[in-house]
Amino acid sequence: MSLRDECLKVFETGIAVATFAKRIGRDSSTLYKWLDGTREISPAIKAEVREELKKIQAVWIESNFDED
């Protein structure tokens, strides 16, 4: 799965693109254009996106979803 597809999957869960962009210190319009396919992002931004996705994944894995 591509990095763009991974991001879209995360955003489908309810995480806002603007929130994600803020967490990596980027403008949301940059990510929106990349997600729409109208602009490419730099390798540096791709690395930041990957790292943030890893952080989100770690939080989800560490969450305990057992019902009480």
Protein backbone atom coordinates (compact mmCIF):
# COMPACT_ATOMS: atom_id res chain seq x y z
CA MET A 1 0.00 0.00 0.00
CA SER A 2 1.34 3.42 -0.89
CA LEU A 3 2.04 6.13 1.66
CA ARG A 4 -0.85 8.15 0.25
CA ASP A 5 -3.19 5.16 0.65
CA GLU A 6 -2.02 4.66 4.23
CA CYS A 7 -2.81 8.30 5.00
CA LEU A 8 -6.24 8.08 3.43
CA LYS A 9 -6.94 5.00 5.54
CA VAL A 10 -6.01 6.91 8.71
CA PHE A 11 -8.11 9.90 7.72
CA GLU A 12 -11.12 7.62 7.16
CA THR A 13 -10.97 6.83 10.89
CA GLY A 14 -11.77 10.43 11.71
CA ILE A 15 -8.37 12.02 12.14
CA ALA A 16 -8.53 15.36 10.36
CA VAL A 17 -5.97 16.18 7.70
CA ALA A 18 -5.49 19.58 9.33
CA THR A 19 -4.73 17.96 12.69
CA PHE A 20 -2.28 15.55 11.09
CA ALA A 21 -0.59 18.39 9.21
CA LYS A 22 -0.25 20.41 12.40
CA ARG A 23 1.34 17.45 14.17
CA ILE A 24 4.07 17.30 11.52
CA GLY A 25 4.45 21.07 11.33
CA ARG A 26 3.12 21.45 7.80
CA ASP A 27 0.31 23.38 6.19
CA SER A 28 -2.79 21.30 5.59
CA SER A 29 -3.09 22.57 2.01
CA THR A 30 0.17 20.80 1.19
CA LEU A 31 -1.26 17.49 2.33
CA TYR A 32 -4.64 18.07 0.68
CA LYS A 33 -2.96 18.75 -2.68
CA TRP A 34 -0.79 15.67 -2.30
CA LEU A 35 -3.76 13.50 -1.37
CA ASP A 36 -5.71 14.84 -4.36
CA GLY A 37 -2.79 14.05 -6.64
CA THR A 38 -2.32 17.65 -7.76
CA ARG A 39 1.07 18.06 -6.07
CA GLU A 40 3.92 15.85 -4.99
CA ILE A 41 5.56 16.24 -1.60
CA SER A 42 9.26 16.27 -0.89
CA PRO A 43 11.12 13.26 0.48
CA ALA A 44 11.53 15.17 3.77
CA ILE A 45 7.76 15.60 4.14
CA LYS A 46 7.21 11.95 3.20
CA ALA A 47 9.59 10.97 6.00
CA GLU A 48 7.66 13.17 8.45
CA VAL A 49 4.38 11.63 7.32
CA ARG A 50 5.78 8.10 7.77
CA GLU A 51 7.01 8.91 11.27
CA GLU A 52 3.65 10.37 12.30
CA LEU A 53 1.83 7.33 10.91
CA LYS A 54 4.12 5.12 13.01
CA LYS A 55 3.27 7.15 16.12
CA ILE A 56 -0.45 6.82 15.44
CA GLN A 57 -0.09 3.10 14.82
CA ALA A 58 1.79 2.67 18.10
CA VAL A 59 -0.98 4.43 20.02
CA TRP A 60 -3.62 2.20 18.44
CA ILE A 61 -1.62 -0.94 19.18
CA GLU A 62 -1.06 0.09 22.80
CA SER A 63 -4.75 0.89 23.31
CA ASN A 64 -6.71 -1.65 25.26
CA PHE A 65 -10.04 -2.28 23.58
CA ASP A 66 -11.20 -4.97 25.99
CA GLU A 67 -14.70 -4.42 27.21
CA ASP A 68 -15.18 -4.20 30.95
